[in-house]
Amino acid sequence: MPIRIPEQLPAKEILEQENIFVMDEERATKQEIRPLNILILNLMPEKEKTEAQLLRFLGNTPIQVNISFLRLSTHESKNTSKFHLDQFYKSFDDIRTKRFDGMIITGAPVEKLKFSDVNYWEELQSIMDWSSKNVTSTLHICWGAQAALYHHYGIGKYELPEKCFGIYRHEVLEPKENLVRGFDDYFMAPHSRYTDIDYQKLISIAELKILAQSDQAGVLIAASSDGKRIMVTGHFEYDAETLGDEYRRDRERGVDTQLPENYFPDDDPSKVPLHRWKSHCSLMFSNWLNYYVYQSTPYEWD
């Protein structure tokens, strides 16, 4: 089934070229079903790229999904035009009286900062508190996962000796959990971060389960026992080229970033990397929408 997005959203053309089923508003209103309403708080700097990455997987499920994008009022984006944000994004004040079936909070390039030093931290805390009462299940990605673990559970983070950067092998620890239903016992997933979470604090909280982790990259997926909060510390949604783009961008800026591990064939940046995590990403989003959102949300919110 399709995703329903604004007609002029730039990601629409990209998705249609990839044969992702995108529905316009006129056709969507004729569907005699209750679609899922998903809110995306996009904190990534290149918002249009992140839109396409997330919508690609949200549109690859049998469930009709209505998408809304959320922006912060206390932060001005430097990499996305004001026109784009004004046209396609809503403020927290616009949606705070509404309820959503699911929500995604993305990563952000602020992980070296203390949470309290992030200029939009107070607004983000308000949004996370609001989501606890007004959203059936929220999927937090990368720094968004670290922020949720800190805000809701007091789990801190620390800076790594060097960037966790590459494609890593992960083991499924809870194969009976619906989020990883259908996963192979071991699978690959990308990470791109300078910090990691306090593992000992995480395992001390009975409400949280670690669903998948890596010997090299640490915890990838953790979830609350009620499924309302899903934390993914990596970037399942990344395109095949994204880590390579980040590597070249850092080098051009004079940042001494190492080659992403297990990424370029033969560690040769001139060779095209393989997309080795796409199927598991698609499965995770499908499982989240089905088991944690669709089957848990009321047909009509009170």
C-alpha atoms as a PDB file:
ATOM      1  CA  MET A   1       0.000   0.000   0.000  1.00  0.00           C
ATOM      2  CA  PRO A   2       1.113   3.586  -0.560  1.00  0.00           C
ATOM      3  CA  ILE A   3       2.378   6.462   1.472  1.00  0.00           C
ATOM      4  CA  ARG A   4       0.464   9.713   1.232  1.00  0.00           C
ATOM      5  CA  ILE A   5       2.740  12.748   1.041  1.00  0.00           C
ATOM      6  CA  PRO A   6       2.401  16.337  -0.209  1.00  0.00           C
ATOM      7  CA  GLU A   7       2.141  16.518  -4.001  1.00  0.00           C
ATOM      8  CA  GLN A   8       5.149  18.820  -4.487  1.00  0.00           C
ATOM      9  CA  LEU A   9       7.539  17.158  -2.015  1.00  0.00           C
ATOM     10  CA  PRO A  10      10.859  16.617  -3.892  1.00  0.00           C
ATOM     11  CA  ALA A  11      11.151  13.061  -2.539  1.00  0.00           C
ATOM     12  CA  LYS A  12       7.986  12.102  -4.454  1.00  0.00           C
ATOM     13  CA  GLU A  13       9.748  12.008  -7.827  1.00  0.00           C
ATOM     14  CA  ILE A  14      12.659   9.980  -6.407  1.00  0.00           C
ATOM     15  CA  LEU A  15      10.305   7.405  -4.887  1.00  0.00           C
ATOM     16  CA  GLU A  16       8.180   7.089  -8.023  1.00  0.00           C
ATOM     17  CA  GLN A  17      11.325   6.400 -10.067  1.00  0.00           C
ATOM     18  CA  GLU A  18      12.081   3.543  -7.643  1.00  0.00           C
ATOM     19  CA  ASN A  19       8.554   2.161  -8.084  1.00  0.00           C
ATOM     20  CA  ILE A  20       7.542   3.056  -4.526  1.00  0.00           C
ATOM     21  CA  PHE A  21       3.745   3.450  -4.444  1.00  0.00           C
ATOM     22  CA  VAL A  22       3.026   7.116  -3.658  1.00  0.00           C
ATOM     23  CA  MET A  23      -0.605   8.267  -3.506  1.00  0.00           C
ATOM     24  CA  ASP A  24      -1.913  11.790  -3.978  1.00  0.00           C
ATOM     25  CA  GLU A  25      -4.557  13.277  -1.692  1.00  0.00           C
ATOM     26  CA  GLU A  26      -7.467  12.909  -4.141  1.00  0.00           C
ATOM     27  CA  ARG A  27      -6.984   9.179  -4.513  1.00  0.00           C
ATOM     28  CA  ALA A  28      -6.283   8.670  -0.812  1.00  0.00           C
ATOM     29  CA  THR A  29      -9.649  10.122   0.190  1.00  0.00           C
ATOM     30  CA  LYS A  30     -11.399   7.393  -1.826  1.00  0.00           C
ATOM     31  CA  GLN A  31      -9.772   4.577   0.163  1.00  0.00           C
ATOM     32  CA  GLU A  32     -12.294   3.062   2.586  1.00  0.00           C
ATOM     33  CA  ILE A  33      -9.698   2.221   5.194  1.00  0.00           C
ATOM     34  CA  ARG A  34      -8.250   3.855   8.274  1.00  0.00           C
ATOM     35  CA  PRO A  35      -4.698   4.922   7.260  1.00  0.00           C
ATOM     36  CA  LEU A  36      -1.912   5.255   9.805  1.00  0.00           C
ATOM     37  CA  ASN A  37      -0.823   8.784  10.656  1.00  0.00           C
ATOM     38  CA  ILE A  38       2.948   8.992  11.079  1.00  0.00           C
ATOM     39  CA  LEU A  39       4.793  12.100  12.277  1.00  0.00           C
ATOM     40  CA  ILE A  40       8.483  12.571  11.408  1.00  0.00           C
ATOM     41  CA  LEU A  41      10.625  14.972  13.453  1.00  0.00           C
ATOM     42  CA  ASN A  42      13.502  15.453  11.021  1.00  0.00           C
ATOM     43  CA  LEU A  43      16.598  16.739  12.823  1.00  0.00           C
ATOM     44  CA  MET A  44      19.079  15.775  10.119  1.00  0.00           C
ATOM     45  CA  PRO A  45      20.846  18.678   8.328  1.00  0.00           C
ATOM     46  CA  GLU A  46      20.103  17.524   4.761  1.00  0.00           C
ATOM     47  CA  LYS A  47      16.396  17.073   5.313  1.00  0.00           C
ATOM     48  CA  GLU A  48      15.402  16.251   1.749  1.00  0.00           C
ATOM     49  CA  LYS A  49      17.791  13.280   1.651  1.00  0.00           C
ATOM     50  CA  THR A  50      16.460  11.988   4.971  1.00  0.00           C
ATOM     51  CA  GLU A  51      12.868  12.412   3.776  1.00  0.00           C
ATOM     52  CA  ALA A  52      13.518  10.166   0.778  1.00  0.00           C
ATOM     53  CA  GLN A  53      15.398   7.592   2.858  1.00  0.00           C
ATOM     54  CA  LEU A  54      12.624   7.225   5.431  1.00  0.00           C
ATOM     55  CA  LEU A  55       9.718   7.386   3.001  1.00  0.00           C
ATOM     56  CA  ARG A  56      11.330   4.692   0.864  1.00  0.00           C
ATOM     57  CA  PHE A  57      10.865   2.152   3.667  1.00  0.00           C
ATOM     58  CA  LEU A  58       7.611   3.477   5.095  1.00  0.00           C
ATOM     59  CA  GLY A  59       6.117   3.047   1.620  1.00  0.00           C
ATOM     60  CA  ASN A  60       7.208  -0.572   1.295  1.00  0.00           C
ATOM     61  CA  THR A  61       4.484  -2.070   3.516  1.00  0.00           C
ATOM     62  CA  PRO A  62       0.870  -3.250   2.977  1.00  0.00           C
ATOM     63  CA  ILE A  63      -0.444  -0.409   5.166  1.00  0.00           C
ATOM     64  CA  GLN A  64      -1.563   3.011   3.895  1.00  0.00           C
ATOM     65  CA  VAL A  65       0.429   5.704   5.682  1.00  0.00           C
ATOM     66  CA  ASN A  66      -0.201   9.444   5.934  1.00  0.00           C
ATOM     67  CA  ILE A  67       3.016  11.381   6.572  1.00  0.00           C
ATOM     68  CA  SER A  68       3.440  14.675   8.425  1.00  0.00           C
ATOM     69  CA  PHE A  69       6.789  16.404   8.941  1.00  0.00           C
ATOM     70  CA  LEU A  70       7.655  18.289  12.126  1.00  0.00           C
ATOM     71  CA  ARG A  71      10.234  21.056  12.553  1.00  0.00           C
ATOM     72  CA  LEU A  72      11.645  22.738  15.636  1.00  0.00           C
ATOM     73  CA  SER A  73      10.769  26.334  16.428  1.00  0.00           C
ATOM     74  CA  THR A  74      13.913  26.880  18.514  1.00  0.00           C
ATOM     75  CA  HIS A  75      16.386  25.904  15.785  1.00  0.00           C
ATOM     76  CA  GLU A  76      17.013  27.365  12.347  1.00  0.00           C
ATOM     77  CA  SER A  77      18.141  24.912   9.688  1.00  0.00           C
ATOM     78  CA  LYS A  78      21.274  25.950   7.774  1.00  0.00           C
ATOM     79  CA  ASN A  79      21.089  23.290   5.047  1.00  0.00           C
ATOM     80  CA  THR A  80      17.405  23.276   4.093  1.00  0.00           C
ATOM     81  CA  SER A  81      15.608  26.241   2.554  1.00  0.00           C
ATOM     82  CA  LYS A  82      13.008  28.159   4.525  1.00  0.00           C
ATOM     83  CA  PHE A  83      10.654  27.703   1.571  1.00  0.00           C
ATOM     84  CA  HIS A  84      10.887  23.920   1.844  1.00  0.00           C
ATOM     85  CA  LEU A  85      10.322  23.957   5.604  1.00  0.00           C
ATOM     86  CA  ASP A  86       7.419  26.398   5.393  1.00  0.00           C
ATOM     87  CA  GLN A  87       5.762  24.388   2.631  1.00  0.00           C
ATOM     88  CA  PHE A  88       6.104  20.867   4.010  1.00  0.00           C
ATOM     89  CA  TYR A  89       6.799  21.081   7.750  1.00  0.00           C
ATOM     90  CA  LYS A  90       4.629  21.908  10.762  1.00  0.00           C
ATOM     91  CA  SER A  91       5.605  23.350  14.115  1.00  0.00           C
ATOM     92  CA  PHE A  92       4.954  21.667  17.454  1.00  0.00           C
ATOM     93  CA  ASP A  93       2.222  24.218  18.152  1.00  0.00           C
ATOM     94  CA  ASP A  94       0.470  23.077  14.960  1.00  0.00           C
ATOM     95  CA  ILE A  95       0.205  19.442  16.083  1.00  0.00           C
ATOM     96  CA  ARG A  96       0.330  19.399  19.885  1.00  0.00           C
ATOM     97  CA  THR A  97      -3.459  18.886  20.192  1.00  0.00           C
ATOM     98  CA  LYS A  98      -3.423  15.951  17.759  1.00  0.00           C
ATOM     99  CA  ARG A  99      -2.584  12.285  18.174  1.00  0.00           C
ATOM    100  CA  PHE A 100      -0.505  10.094  15.897  1.00  0.00           C
ATOM    101  CA  ASP A 101      -0.238   6.366  15.429  1.00  0.00           C
ATOM    102  CA  GLY A 102       3.525   6.463  15.038  1.00  0.00           C
ATOM    103  CA  MET A 103       6.403   8.899  15.176  1.00  0.00           C
ATOM    104  CA  ILE A 104      10.028   8.935  14.042  1.00  0.00           C
ATOM    105  CA  ILE A 105      12.679  11.138  15.665  1.00  0.00           C
ATOM    106  CA  THR A 106      15.824  11.182  13.548  1.00  0.00           C
ATOM    107  CA  GLY A 107      19.461  11.634  14.432  1.00  0.00           C
ATOM    108  CA  ALA A 108      21.218  15.001  14.531  1.00  0.00           C
ATOM    109  CA  PRO A 109      24.870  16.115  14.178  1.00  0.00           C
ATOM    110  CA  VAL A 110      25.124  17.341  17.780  1.00  0.00           C
ATOM    111  CA  GLU A 111      26.249  14.195  19.563  1.00  0.00           C
ATOM    112  CA  LYS A 112      29.523  15.653  20.888  1.00  0.00           C
ATOM    113  CA  LEU A 113      27.523  18.271  22.795  1.00  0.00           C
ATOM    114  CA  LYS A 114      26.007  17.654  26.196  1.00  0.00           C
ATOM    115  CA  PHE A 115      22.269  17.243  25.836  1.00  0.00           C
ATOM    116  CA  SER A 116      21.678  20.383  27.894  1.00  0.00           C
ATOM    117  CA  ASP A 117      23.966  22.372  25.539  1.00  0.00           C
ATOM    118  CA  VAL A 118      21.884  21.581  22.444  1.00  0.00           C
ATOM    119  CA  ASN A 119      19.988  24.786  21.699  1.00  0.00           C
ATOM    120  CA  TYR A 120      16.691  22.989  21.094  1.00  0.00           C
ATOM    121  CA  TRP A 121      16.949  20.487  23.969  1.00  0.00           C
ATOM    122  CA  GLU A 122      14.048  21.929  25.981  1.00  0.00           C
ATOM    123  CA  GLU A 123      11.723  21.858  22.982  1.00  0.00           C
ATOM    124  CA  LEU A 124      12.780  18.311  22.138  1.00  0.00           C
ATOM    125  CA  GLN A 125      12.109  17.220  25.721  1.00  0.00           C
ATOM    126  CA  SER A 126       8.614  18.689  25.467  1.00  0.00           C
ATOM    127  CA  ILE A 127       8.018  16.800  22.230  1.00  0.00           C
ATOM    128  CA  MET A 128       9.245  13.512  23.727  1.00  0.00           C
ATOM    129  CA  ASP A 129       6.989  13.992  26.763  1.00  0.00           C
ATOM    130  CA  TRP A 130       4.069  14.768  24.448  1.00  0.00           C
ATOM    131  CA  SER A 131       4.785  11.640  22.388  1.00  0.00           C
ATOM    132  CA  SER A 132       4.435   9.439  25.484  1.00  0.00           C
ATOM    133  CA  LYS A 133       0.750  10.344  25.684  1.00  0.00           C
ATOM    134  CA  ASN A 134      -0.143  11.154  22.089  1.00  0.00           C
ATOM    135  CA  VAL A 135       1.741   8.585  19.985  1.00  0.00           C
ATOM    136  CA  THR A 136       1.263   4.814  19.984  1.00  0.00           C
ATOM    137  CA  SER A 137       4.925   4.026  19.237  1.00  0.00           C
ATOM    138  CA  THR A 138       7.964   6.229  18.567  1.00  0.00           C
ATOM    139  CA  LEU A 139      11.034   5.112  16.635  1.00  0.00           C
ATOM    140  CA  HIS A 140      14.185   7.008  17.666  1.00  0.00           C
ATOM    141  CA  ILE A 141      17.232   6.920  15.368  1.00  0.00           C
ATOM    142  CA  CYS A 142      20.959   7.443  16.200  1.00  0.00           C
ATOM    143  CA  TRP A 143      21.294  10.652  18.292  1.00  0.00           C
ATOM    144  CA  GLY A 144      17.503  10.598  18.584  1.00  0.00           C
ATOM    145  CA  ALA A 145      17.881   7.196  20.292  1.00  0.00           C
ATOM    146  CA  GLN A 146      20.553   8.539  22.648  1.00  0.00           C
ATOM    147  CA  ALA A 147      18.336  11.526  23.472  1.00  0.00           C
ATOM    148  CA  ALA A 148      15.376   9.269  24.260  1.00  0.00           C
ATOM    149  CA  LEU A 149      17.434   6.949  26.450  1.00  0.00           C
ATOM    150  CA  TYR A 150      18.766   9.921  28.388  1.00  0.00           C
ATOM    151  CA  HIS A 151      15.490  11.800  28.719  1.00  0.00           C
ATOM    152  CA  HIS A 152      13.219   8.876  29.567  1.00  0.00           C
ATOM    153  CA  TYR A 153      15.648   6.614  31.453  1.00  0.00           C
ATOM    154  CA  GLY A 154      18.635   8.705  32.543  1.00  0.00           C
ATOM    155  CA  ILE A 155      21.070   6.702  30.382  1.00  0.00           C
ATOM    156  CA  GLY A 156      24.045   8.883  29.501  1.00  0.00           C
ATOM    157  CA  LYS A 157      26.497   8.808  26.614  1.00  0.00           C
ATOM    158  CA  TYR A 158      30.265   9.129  26.289  1.00  0.00           C
ATOM    159  CA  GLU A 159      32.633  10.086  23.491  1.00  0.00           C
ATOM    160  CA  LEU A 160      34.402   7.256  21.672  1.00  0.00           C
ATOM    161  CA  PRO A 161      38.192   7.248  21.046  1.00  0.00           C
ATOM    162  CA  GLU A 162      37.393   7.353  17.324  1.00  0.00           C
ATOM    163  CA  LYS A 163      34.253   7.538  15.230  1.00  0.00           C
ATOM    164  CA  CYS A 164      32.109   4.402  15.010  1.00  0.00           C
ATOM    165  CA  PHE A 165      31.871   4.482  11.253  1.00  0.00           C
ATOM    166  CA  GLY A 166      31.063   1.638   8.900  1.00  0.00           C
ATOM    167  CA  ILE A 167      28.965  -1.457   8.322  1.00  0.00           C
ATOM    168  CA  TYR A 168      28.969  -3.888  11.244  1.00  0.00           C
ATOM    169  CA  ARG A 169      27.751  -7.404  11.927  1.00  0.00           C
ATOM    170  CA  HIS A 170      24.997  -7.643  14.551  1.00  0.00           C
ATOM    171  CA  GLU A 171      23.439 -10.533  16.422  1.00  0.00           C
ATOM    172  CA  VAL A 172      19.727 -10.817  17.160  1.00  0.00           C
ATOM    173  CA  LEU A 173      19.391 -11.358  20.931  1.00  0.00           C
ATOM    174  CA  GLU A 174      15.605 -11.536  21.204  1.00  0.00           C
ATOM    175  CA  PRO A 175      14.397 -13.445  18.105  1.00  0.00           C
ATOM    176  CA  LYS A 176      10.837 -13.716  19.435  1.00  0.00           C
ATOM    177  CA  GLU A 177      10.408  -9.949  19.600  1.00  0.00           C
ATOM    178  CA  ASN A 178       8.187  -8.713  16.777  1.00  0.00           C
ATOM    179  CA  LEU A 179      10.506  -5.906  15.702  1.00  0.00           C
ATOM    180  CA  VAL A 180      13.133  -8.419  14.562  1.00  0.00           C
ATOM    181  CA  ARG A 181      10.693 -11.057  13.357  1.00  0.00           C
ATOM    182  CA  GLY A 182      12.067 -12.603  10.171  1.00  0.00           C
ATOM    183  CA  PHE A 183      15.615 -11.302  10.751  1.00  0.00           C
ATOM    184  CA  ASP A 184      18.592 -13.547  10.104  1.00  0.00           C
ATOM    185  CA  ASP A 185      20.492 -14.539  13.241  1.00  0.00           C
ATOM    186  CA  TYR A 186      23.252 -12.173  12.121  1.00  0.00           C
ATOM    187  CA  PHE A 187      22.848  -9.134   9.867  1.00  0.00           C
ATOM    188  CA  MET A 188      24.693  -5.994   8.763  1.00  0.00           C
ATOM    189  CA  ALA A 189      23.804  -2.407   9.603  1.00  0.00           C
ATOM    190  CA  PRO A 190      25.490   1.021   9.286  1.00  0.00           C
ATOM    191  CA  HIS A 191      26.710   3.254  12.128  1.00  0.00           C
ATOM    192  CA  SER A 192      28.044   6.790  11.966  1.00  0.00           C
ATOM    193  CA  ARG A 193      28.573   8.375  15.384  1.00  0.00           C
ATOM    194  CA  TYR A 194      31.206   9.706  17.757  1.00  0.00           C
ATOM    195  CA  THR A 195      29.499   8.627  20.982  1.00  0.00           C
ATOM    196  CA  ASP A 196      28.039   5.539  22.611  1.00  0.00           C
ATOM    197  CA  ILE A 197      25.532   4.892  25.383  1.00  0.00           C
ATOM    198  CA  ASP A 198      26.194   3.714  28.940  1.00  0.00           C
ATOM    199  CA  TYR A 199      25.747  -0.039  28.479  1.00  0.00           C
ATOM    200  CA  GLN A 200      25.783  -0.942  32.179  1.00  0.00           C
ATOM    201  CA  LYS A 201      23.053   1.591  32.906  1.00  0.00           C
ATOM    202  CA  LEU A 202      20.998   0.292  29.998  1.00  0.00           C
ATOM    203  CA  ILE A 203      21.040  -3.341  31.131  1.00  0.00           C
ATOM    204  CA  SER A 204      20.120  -2.295  34.670  1.00  0.00           C
ATOM    205  CA  ILE A 205      16.705  -0.998  33.548  1.00  0.00           C
ATOM    206  CA  ALA A 206      14.184  -3.836  33.553  1.00  0.00           C
ATOM    207  CA  GLU A 207      11.774  -1.997  31.248  1.00  0.00           C
ATOM    208  CA  LEU A 208      14.294  -2.052  28.384  1.00  0.00           C
ATOM    209  CA  LYS A 209      15.326  -4.968  26.189  1.00  0.00           C
ATOM    210  CA  ILE A 210      18.331  -5.136  23.887  1.00  0.00           C
ATOM    211  CA  LEU A 211      17.119  -6.756  20.670  1.00  0.00           C
ATOM    212  CA  ALA A 212      20.329  -6.625  18.620  1.00  0.00           C
ATOM    213  CA  GLN A 213      23.949  -5.680  19.178  1.00  0.00           C
ATOM    214  CA  SER A 214      27.428  -5.899  17.686  1.00  0.00           C
ATOM    215  CA  ASP A 215      30.757  -6.886  19.214  1.00  0.00           C
ATOM    216  CA  GLN A 216      32.309  -3.884  17.449  1.00  0.00           C
ATOM    217  CA  ALA A 217      29.547  -1.257  17.393  1.00  0.00           C
ATOM    218  CA  GLY A 218      27.654  -2.097  20.572  1.00  0.00           C
ATOM    219  CA  VAL A 219      23.883  -1.928  20.994  1.00  0.00           C
ATOM    220  CA  LEU A 220      21.932  -1.356  17.788  1.00  0.00           C
ATOM    221  CA  ILE A 221      18.289  -1.878  18.813  1.00  0.00           C
ATOM    222  CA  ALA A 222      16.695  -1.494  22.236  1.00  0.00           C
ATOM    223  CA  ALA A 223      13.000  -1.266  23.038  1.00  0.00           C
ATOM    224  CA  SER A 224      10.707  -0.596  25.965  1.00  0.00           C
ATOM    225  CA  SER A 225       8.669  -3.581  27.123  1.00  0.00           C
ATOM    226  CA  ASP A 226       5.404  -1.949  26.005  1.00  0.00           C
ATOM    227  CA  GLY A 227       6.756  -1.132  22.528  1.00  0.00           C
ATOM    228  CA  LYS A 228       6.073   2.595  22.886  1.00  0.00           C
ATOM    229  CA  ARG A 229       9.737   3.463  22.455  1.00  0.00           C
ATOM    230  CA  ILE A 230      12.094   1.875  19.928  1.00  0.00           C
ATOM    231  CA  MET A 231      15.731   3.039  19.953  1.00  0.00           C
ATOM    232  CA  VAL A 232      18.002   2.321  16.960  1.00  0.00           C
ATOM    233  CA  THR A 233      21.523   3.677  17.483  1.00  0.00           C
ATOM    234  CA  GLY A 234      22.625   3.156  13.871  1.00  0.00           C
ATOM    235  CA  HIS A 235      21.347   4.361  10.509  1.00  0.00           C
ATOM    236  CA  PHE A 236      19.392   1.496   8.972  1.00  0.00           C
ATOM    237  CA  GLU A 237      17.725   4.008   6.635  1.00  0.00           C
ATOM    238  CA  TYR A 238      20.978   5.119   4.958  1.00  0.00           C
ATOM    239  CA  ASP A 239      21.396   4.707   1.207  1.00  0.00           C
ATOM    240  CA  ALA A 240      24.293   2.626  -0.116  1.00  0.00           C
ATOM    241  CA  GLU A 241      26.265   5.811  -0.867  1.00  0.00           C
ATOM    242  CA  THR A 242      25.615   7.769   2.341  1.00  0.00           C
ATOM    243  CA  LEU A 243      28.657   6.681   4.361  1.00  0.00           C
ATOM    244  CA  GLY A 244      30.878   7.343   1.358  1.00  0.00           C
ATOM    245  CA  ASP A 245      29.407  10.826   1.003  1.00  0.00           C
ATOM    246  CA  GLU A 246      30.061  11.481   4.697  1.00  0.00           C
ATOM    247  CA  TYR A 247      33.642  10.234   4.366  1.00  0.00           C
ATOM    248  CA  ARG A 248      34.398  12.501   1.393  1.00  0.00           C
ATOM    249  CA  ARG A 249      32.670  15.467   3.051  1.00  0.00           C
ATOM    250  CA  ASP A 250      34.781  15.067   6.200  1.00  0.00           C
ATOM    251  CA  ARG A 251      38.005  14.766   4.214  1.00  0.00           C
ATOM    252  CA  GLU A 252      37.174  17.888   2.210  1.00  0.00           C
ATOM    253  CA  ARG A 253      36.673  19.749   5.495  1.00  0.00           C
ATOM    254  CA  GLY A 254      40.035  18.600   6.784  1.00  0.00           C
ATOM    255  CA  VAL A 255      38.601  16.115   9.285  1.00  0.00           C
ATOM    256  CA  ASP A 256      40.870  13.085   9.637  1.00  0.00           C
ATOM    257  CA  THR A 257      38.064  10.530   9.318  1.00  0.00           C
ATOM    258  CA  GLN A 258      39.095   6.930   8.771  1.00  0.00           C
ATOM    259  CA  LEU A 259      37.646   4.854   5.953  1.00  0.00           C
ATOM    260  CA  PRO A 260      34.237   3.445   6.914  1.00  0.00           C
ATOM    261  CA  GLU A 261      34.840  -0.127   8.067  1.00  0.00           C
ATOM    262  CA  ASN A 262      33.585  -3.045   5.964  1.00  0.00           C
ATOM    263  CA  TYR A 263      32.147  -0.592   3.447  1.00  0.00           C
ATOM    264  CA  PHE A 264      34.176   0.002   0.269  1.00  0.00           C
ATOM    265  CA  PRO A 265      35.126  -3.210  -1.574  1.00  0.00           C
ATOM    266  CA  ASP A 266      38.801  -3.902  -0.805  1.00  0.00           C
ATOM    267  CA  ASP A 267      38.791  -0.631   1.208  1.00  0.00           C
ATOM    268  CA  ASP A 268      39.059   1.190  -2.105  1.00  0.00           C
ATOM    269  CA  PRO A 269      37.022   4.443  -2.125  1.00  0.00           C
ATOM    270  CA  SER A 270      36.913   4.359  -5.919  1.00  0.00           C
ATOM    271  CA  LYS A 271      34.794   1.187  -5.829  1.00  0.00           C
ATOM    272  CA  VAL A 272      31.016   1.261  -5.451  1.00  0.00           C
ATOM    273  CA  PRO A 273      29.819  -0.008  -2.046  1.00  0.00           C
ATOM    274  CA  LEU A 274      27.165  -2.708  -1.817  1.00  0.00           C
ATOM    275  CA  HIS A 275      23.826  -2.072  -0.107  1.00  0.00           C
ATOM    276  CA  ARG A 276      24.009  -4.996   2.331  1.00  0.00           C
ATOM    277  CA  TRP A 277      21.427  -3.880   4.924  1.00  0.00           C
ATOM    278  CA  LYS A 278      18.467  -2.855   2.741  1.00  0.00           C
ATOM    279  CA  SER A 279      16.314  -5.940   3.255  1.00  0.00           C
ATOM    280  CA  HIS A 280      16.645  -5.887   7.050  1.00  0.00           C
ATOM    281  CA  CYS A 281      15.871  -2.179   7.142  1.00  0.00           C
ATOM    282  CA  SER A 282      12.732  -2.777   5.084  1.00  0.00           C
ATOM    283  CA  LEU A 283      11.740  -5.625   7.396  1.00  0.00           C
ATOM    284  CA  MET A 284      12.297  -3.564  10.535  1.00  0.00           C
ATOM    285  CA  PHE A 285      10.117  -0.691   9.311  1.00  0.00           C
ATOM    286  CA  SER A 286       7.433  -3.135   8.176  1.00  0.00           C
ATOM    287  CA  ASN A 287       7.488  -4.910  11.557  1.00  0.00           C
ATOM    288  CA  TRP A 288       7.338  -1.607  13.423  1.00  0.00           C
ATOM    289  CA  LEU A 289       4.373  -0.330  11.423  1.00  0.00           C
ATOM    290  CA  ASN A 290       2.528  -3.639  11.676  1.00  0.00           C
ATOM    291  CA  TYR A 291       3.125  -4.900  15.212  1.00  0.00           C
ATOM    292  CA  TYR A 292       3.895  -1.733  17.174  1.00  0.00           C
ATOM    293  CA  VAL A 293       1.680   0.788  15.390  1.00  0.00           C
ATOM    294  CA  TYR A 294      -1.121  -0.777  13.307  1.00  0.00           C
ATOM    295  CA  GLN A 295      -2.010  -3.612  15.673  1.00  0.00           C
ATOM    296  CA  SER A 296      -1.641  -1.485  18.809  1.00  0.00           C
ATOM    297  CA  THR A 297      -3.291   1.791  17.877  1.00  0.00           C
ATOM    298  CA  PRO A 298      -7.042   2.396  18.391  1.00  0.00           C
ATOM    299  CA  TYR A 299      -9.176   2.661  15.271  1.00  0.00           C
ATOM    300  CA  GLU A 300     -10.206   6.107  16.457  1.00  0.00           C
ATOM    301  CA  TRP A 301      -8.351   8.092  19.132  1.00  0.00           C
ATOM    302  CA  ASP A 302     -10.584   9.238  21.970  1.00  0.00           C
END
